[in-house]
Amino acid sequence: MLSNGGVDRVRRGVDMSFNLSCIIREAGVSTPDKPVAYHVGGTLTFRELDEQSDRLAAGLHDAGVVPGNAVGLQLPNLAEFLVPISAS
């Protein structure tokens, strides 16, 4: 979400309200059991990614993080890295 509360939803011809989390949520609804990533322990489906990113976003919100805040994460290059990216 834009730090200005979404007033300028279109910036430079790009719809800023449609982002990666929107794409993942739509895929979670239309193809929930389709794998989005394969990893050592198995697969991560769109449904699992959507649910995990929602939990992470809720946890960040509970910790006081609001749209527009910068959050740094240090994670290894694994399929699980998709979760915080999609929670944004």
N, C-alpha and C. Protein backbone atom coordinates (compact mmCIF):
# COMPACT_ATOMS: atom_id res chain seq x y z
N MET A 1 0.84 -1.18 0.00
CA MET A 1 0.00 0.00 0.00
C MET A 1 0.88 1.23 0.00
N LEU A 2 0.46 2.24 -0.65
CA LEU A 2 1.21 3.48 -0.71
C LEU A 2 1.18 4.20 0.63
N SER A 3 2.28 4.87 0.94
CA SER A 3 2.35 5.57 2.21
C SER A 3 1.37 6.74 2.29
N ASN A 4 0.85 7.18 1.15
CA ASN A 4 -0.11 8.28 1.16
C ASN A 4 -1.54 7.77 1.31
N GLY A 5 -1.70 6.53 1.74
CA GLY A 5 -3.03 5.99 1.98
C GLY A 5 -3.76 5.55 0.71
N GLY A 6 -3.02 5.44 -0.39
CA GLY A 6 -3.63 4.97 -1.62
C GLY A 6 -4.28 6.06 -2.45
N VAL A 7 -4.02 7.34 -2.10
CA VAL A 7 -4.64 8.43 -2.84
C VAL A 7 -4.20 8.39 -4.29
N ASP A 8 -2.92 8.20 -4.53
CA ASP A 8 -2.40 8.10 -5.89
C ASP A 8 -2.22 6.64 -6.23
N ARG A 9 -3.29 5.98 -6.62
CA ARG A 9 -3.23 4.54 -6.89
C ARG A 9 -2.52 4.24 -8.21
N VAL A 10 -2.41 5.22 -9.07
CA VAL A 10 -1.71 5.01 -10.33
C VAL A 10 -0.53 5.96 -10.38
N ARG A 11 0.64 5.40 -10.54
CA ARG A 11 1.85 6.20 -10.58
C ARG A 11 2.62 5.82 -11.84
N ARG A 12 2.92 6.79 -12.67
CA ARG A 12 3.66 6.56 -13.91
C ARG A 12 3.00 5.50 -14.78
N GLY A 13 1.69 5.48 -14.81
CA GLY A 13 0.98 4.56 -15.67
C GLY A 13 0.89 3.13 -15.15
N VAL A 14 1.33 2.90 -13.93
CA VAL A 14 1.30 1.56 -13.34
C VAL A 14 0.31 1.55 -12.20
N ASP A 15 -0.60 0.59 -12.22
CA ASP A 15 -1.59 0.46 -11.15
C ASP A 15 -0.88 -0.08 -9.91
N MET A 16 -0.66 0.78 -8.92
CA MET A 16 0.09 0.40 -7.71
C MET A 16 -0.74 -0.45 -6.77
N SER A 17 -2.04 -0.58 -7.00
CA SER A 17 -2.87 -1.39 -6.10
C SER A 17 -2.80 -2.87 -6.47
N PHE A 18 -2.26 -3.20 -7.64
CA PHE A 18 -2.14 -4.58 -8.09
C PHE A 18 -0.67 -4.97 -7.99
N ASN A 19 -0.35 -5.87 -7.08
CA ASN A 19 1.04 -6.23 -6.83
C ASN A 19 1.19 -7.74 -6.71
N LEU A 20 2.36 -8.18 -6.31
CA LEU A 20 2.64 -9.60 -6.20
C LEU A 20 1.68 -10.31 -5.26
N SER A 21 1.36 -9.70 -4.14
CA SER A 21 0.44 -10.35 -3.20
C SER A 21 -0.95 -10.54 -3.82
N CYS A 22 -1.37 -9.62 -4.70
CA CYS A 22 -2.65 -9.78 -5.41
C CYS A 22 -2.60 -10.97 -6.34
N ILE A 23 -1.50 -11.12 -7.06
CA ILE A 23 -1.35 -12.24 -7.99
C ILE A 23 -1.37 -13.56 -7.23
N ILE A 24 -0.66 -13.64 -6.12
CA ILE A 24 -0.61 -14.87 -5.32
C ILE A 24 -1.98 -15.18 -4.73
N ARG A 25 -2.68 -14.17 -4.24
CA ARG A 25 -4.01 -14.40 -3.68
C ARG A 25 -4.96 -14.92 -4.75
N GLU A 26 -4.92 -14.34 -5.95
CA GLU A 26 -5.77 -14.81 -7.03
C GLU A 26 -5.44 -16.25 -7.41
N ALA A 27 -4.15 -16.58 -7.47
CA ALA A 27 -3.74 -17.95 -7.78
C ALA A 27 -4.16 -18.90 -6.67
N GLY A 28 -4.13 -18.42 -5.43
CA GLY A 28 -4.57 -19.24 -4.30
C GLY A 28 -6.04 -19.57 -4.36
N VAL A 29 -6.82 -18.71 -4.98
CA VAL A 29 -8.25 -18.95 -5.14
C VAL A 29 -8.52 -19.82 -6.36
N SER A 30 -7.88 -19.49 -7.48
CA SER A 30 -8.17 -20.20 -8.73
C SER A 30 -7.47 -21.55 -8.84
N THR A 31 -6.25 -21.67 -8.32
CA THR A 31 -5.50 -22.93 -8.39
C THR A 31 -4.80 -23.19 -7.06
N PRO A 32 -5.56 -23.40 -6.00
CA PRO A 32 -4.98 -23.47 -4.66
C PRO A 32 -3.97 -24.60 -4.44
N ASP A 33 -4.14 -25.71 -5.11
CA ASP A 33 -3.25 -26.84 -4.87
C ASP A 33 -2.12 -26.95 -5.88
N LYS A 34 -2.00 -25.97 -6.75
CA LYS A 34 -0.92 -25.95 -7.72
C LYS A 34 0.38 -25.53 -7.03
N PRO A 35 1.47 -26.27 -7.27
CA PRO A 35 2.74 -25.89 -6.64
C PRO A 35 3.25 -24.55 -7.17
N VAL A 36 3.71 -23.74 -6.26
CA VAL A 36 4.34 -22.48 -6.64
C VAL A 36 5.85 -22.62 -6.53
N ALA A 37 6.31 -23.55 -5.69
CA ALA A 37 7.75 -23.78 -5.53
C ALA A 37 7.99 -25.20 -5.04
N TYR A 38 9.12 -25.73 -5.44
CA TYR A 38 9.56 -27.04 -4.96
C TYR A 38 10.78 -26.81 -4.08
N HIS A 39 10.86 -27.56 -2.98
CA HIS A 39 12.00 -27.42 -2.08
C HIS A 39 12.35 -28.79 -1.52
N VAL A 40 13.40 -28.86 -0.72
CA VAL A 40 13.91 -30.12 -0.20
C VAL A 40 12.82 -30.90 0.53
N GLY A 41 11.98 -30.23 1.28
CA GLY A 41 10.94 -30.90 2.06
C GLY A 41 9.68 -31.23 1.28
N GLY A 42 9.59 -30.83 0.03
CA GLY A 42 8.39 -31.11 -0.76
C GLY A 42 8.02 -29.95 -1.65
N THR A 43 6.76 -29.56 -1.59
CA THR A 43 6.27 -28.46 -2.42
C THR A 43 5.57 -27.42 -1.57
N LEU A 44 5.48 -26.24 -2.11
CA LEU A 44 4.72 -25.16 -1.49
C LEU A 44 3.63 -24.79 -2.49
N THR A 45 2.36 -24.95 -2.09
CA THR A 45 1.25 -24.65 -2.99
C THR A 45 0.86 -23.18 -2.86
N PHE A 46 0.07 -22.71 -3.83
CA PHE A 46 -0.42 -21.34 -3.76
C PHE A 46 -1.26 -21.13 -2.51
N ARG A 47 -2.05 -22.12 -2.13
CA ARG A 47 -2.87 -22.00 -0.92
C ARG A 47 -1.97 -21.84 0.32
N GLU A 48 -0.94 -22.68 0.43
CA GLU A 48 -0.03 -22.60 1.57
C GLU A 48 0.71 -21.27 1.59
N LEU A 49 1.15 -20.82 0.42
CA LEU A 49 1.85 -19.53 0.35
C LEU A 49 0.93 -18.40 0.76
N ASP A 50 -0.30 -18.42 0.30
CA ASP A 50 -1.27 -17.38 0.67
C ASP A 50 -1.53 -17.40 2.17
N GLU A 51 -1.75 -18.58 2.74
CA GLU A 51 -2.02 -18.69 4.18
C GLU A 51 -0.82 -18.26 5.01
N GLN A 52 0.38 -18.69 4.62
CA GLN A 52 1.58 -18.34 5.38
C GLN A 52 1.89 -16.84 5.28
N SER A 53 1.69 -16.27 4.11
CA SER A 53 1.95 -14.83 3.97
C SER A 53 0.92 -14.02 4.75
N ASP A 54 -0.33 -14.49 4.82
CA ASP A 54 -1.34 -13.82 5.64
C ASP A 54 -0.95 -13.84 7.12
N ARG A 55 -0.45 -15.00 7.59
CA ARG A 55 -0.02 -15.11 9.00
C ARG A 55 1.15 -14.17 9.28
N LEU A 56 2.11 -14.12 8.36
CA LEU A 56 3.26 -13.23 8.55
C LEU A 56 2.81 -11.77 8.55
N ALA A 57 1.94 -11.40 7.62
CA ALA A 57 1.45 -10.02 7.56
C ALA A 57 0.70 -9.66 8.83
N ALA A 58 -0.10 -10.59 9.35
CA ALA A 58 -0.83 -10.34 10.60
C ALA A 58 0.14 -10.18 11.76
N GLY A 59 1.17 -11.00 11.80
CA GLY A 59 2.17 -10.89 12.86
C GLY A 59 2.92 -9.56 12.80
N LEU A 60 3.26 -9.12 11.61
CA LEU A 60 3.93 -7.82 11.47
C LEU A 60 2.99 -6.70 11.90
N HIS A 61 1.73 -6.81 11.52
CA HIS A 61 0.74 -5.80 11.92
C HIS A 61 0.61 -5.77 13.44
N ASP A 62 0.54 -6.94 14.06
CA ASP A 62 0.43 -7.02 15.52
C ASP A 62 1.66 -6.43 16.21
N ALA A 63 2.80 -6.48 15.52
CA ALA A 63 4.04 -5.92 16.07
C ALA A 63 4.15 -4.41 15.84
N GLY A 64 3.13 -3.84 15.18
CA GLY A 64 3.12 -2.39 14.99
C GLY A 64 3.55 -1.92 13.62
N VAL A 65 3.83 -2.85 12.72
CA VAL A 65 4.22 -2.47 11.35
C VAL A 65 2.97 -2.06 10.59
N VAL A 66 3.04 -0.93 9.93
CA VAL A 66 1.91 -0.42 9.14
C VAL A 66 2.36 -0.24 7.70
N PRO A 67 1.40 -0.19 6.76
CA PRO A 67 1.76 0.03 5.36
C PRO A 67 2.64 1.27 5.22
N GLY A 68 3.70 1.12 4.45
CA GLY A 68 4.65 2.21 4.25
C GLY A 68 5.90 2.06 5.09
N ASN A 69 5.85 1.25 6.17
CA ASN A 69 7.05 0.99 6.97
C ASN A 69 8.00 0.10 6.21
N ALA A 70 9.28 0.32 6.40
CA ALA A 70 10.30 -0.56 5.82
C ALA A 70 10.58 -1.69 6.82
N VAL A 71 10.67 -2.90 6.31
CA VAL A 71 10.96 -4.07 7.14
C VAL A 71 12.09 -4.83 6.47
N GLY A 72 13.14 -5.12 7.21
CA GLY A 72 14.26 -5.88 6.67
C GLY A 72 14.21 -7.32 7.13
N LEU A 73 14.47 -8.23 6.22
CA LEU A 73 14.50 -9.65 6.54
C LEU A 73 15.76 -10.26 5.97
N GLN A 74 16.38 -11.14 6.73
CA GLN A 74 17.54 -11.86 6.23
C GLN A 74 17.19 -13.34 6.25
N LEU A 75 17.06 -13.90 5.07
CA LEU A 75 16.67 -15.29 4.94
C LEU A 75 17.56 -15.98 3.92
N PRO A 76 17.74 -17.29 4.08
CA PRO A 76 18.50 -18.02 3.06
C PRO A 76 17.70 -18.13 1.77
N ASN A 77 18.37 -18.48 0.71
CA ASN A 77 17.73 -18.61 -0.60
C ASN A 77 16.98 -19.93 -0.68
N LEU A 78 15.79 -19.95 -0.10
CA LEU A 78 14.93 -21.14 -0.06
C LEU A 78 13.54 -20.77 -0.55
N ALA A 79 12.72 -21.78 -0.80
CA ALA A 79 11.34 -21.54 -1.24
C ALA A 79 10.57 -20.72 -0.21
N GLU A 80 10.89 -20.89 1.07
CA GLU A 80 10.21 -20.15 2.13
C GLU A 80 10.41 -18.65 2.03
N PHE A 81 11.41 -18.22 1.27
CA PHE A 81 11.66 -16.79 1.08
C PHE A 81 10.48 -16.13 0.36
N LEU A 82 9.69 -16.92 -0.36
CA LEU A 82 8.51 -16.37 -1.05
C LEU A 82 7.47 -15.83 -0.10
N VAL A 83 7.41 -16.39 1.12
CA VAL A 83 6.38 -15.99 2.09
C VAL A 83 6.49 -14.51 2.45
N PRO A 84 7.65 -14.03 2.93
CA PRO A 84 7.69 -12.60 3.26
C PRO A 84 7.58 -11.69 2.05
N ILE A 85 8.03 -12.15 0.90
CA ILE A 85 7.89 -11.32 -0.30
C ILE A 85 6.41 -11.14 -0.63
N SER A 86 5.64 -12.21 -0.50
CA SER A 86 4.23 -12.12 -0.85
C SER A 86 3.38 -11.48 0.25
N ALA A 87 3.93 -11.34 1.44
CA ALA A 87 3.18 -10.72 2.54
C ALA A 87 3.22 -9.20 2.46
N SER A 88 3.99 -8.67 1.56
CA SER A 88 4.13 -7.21 1.49
C SER A 88 2.90 -6.53 0.97
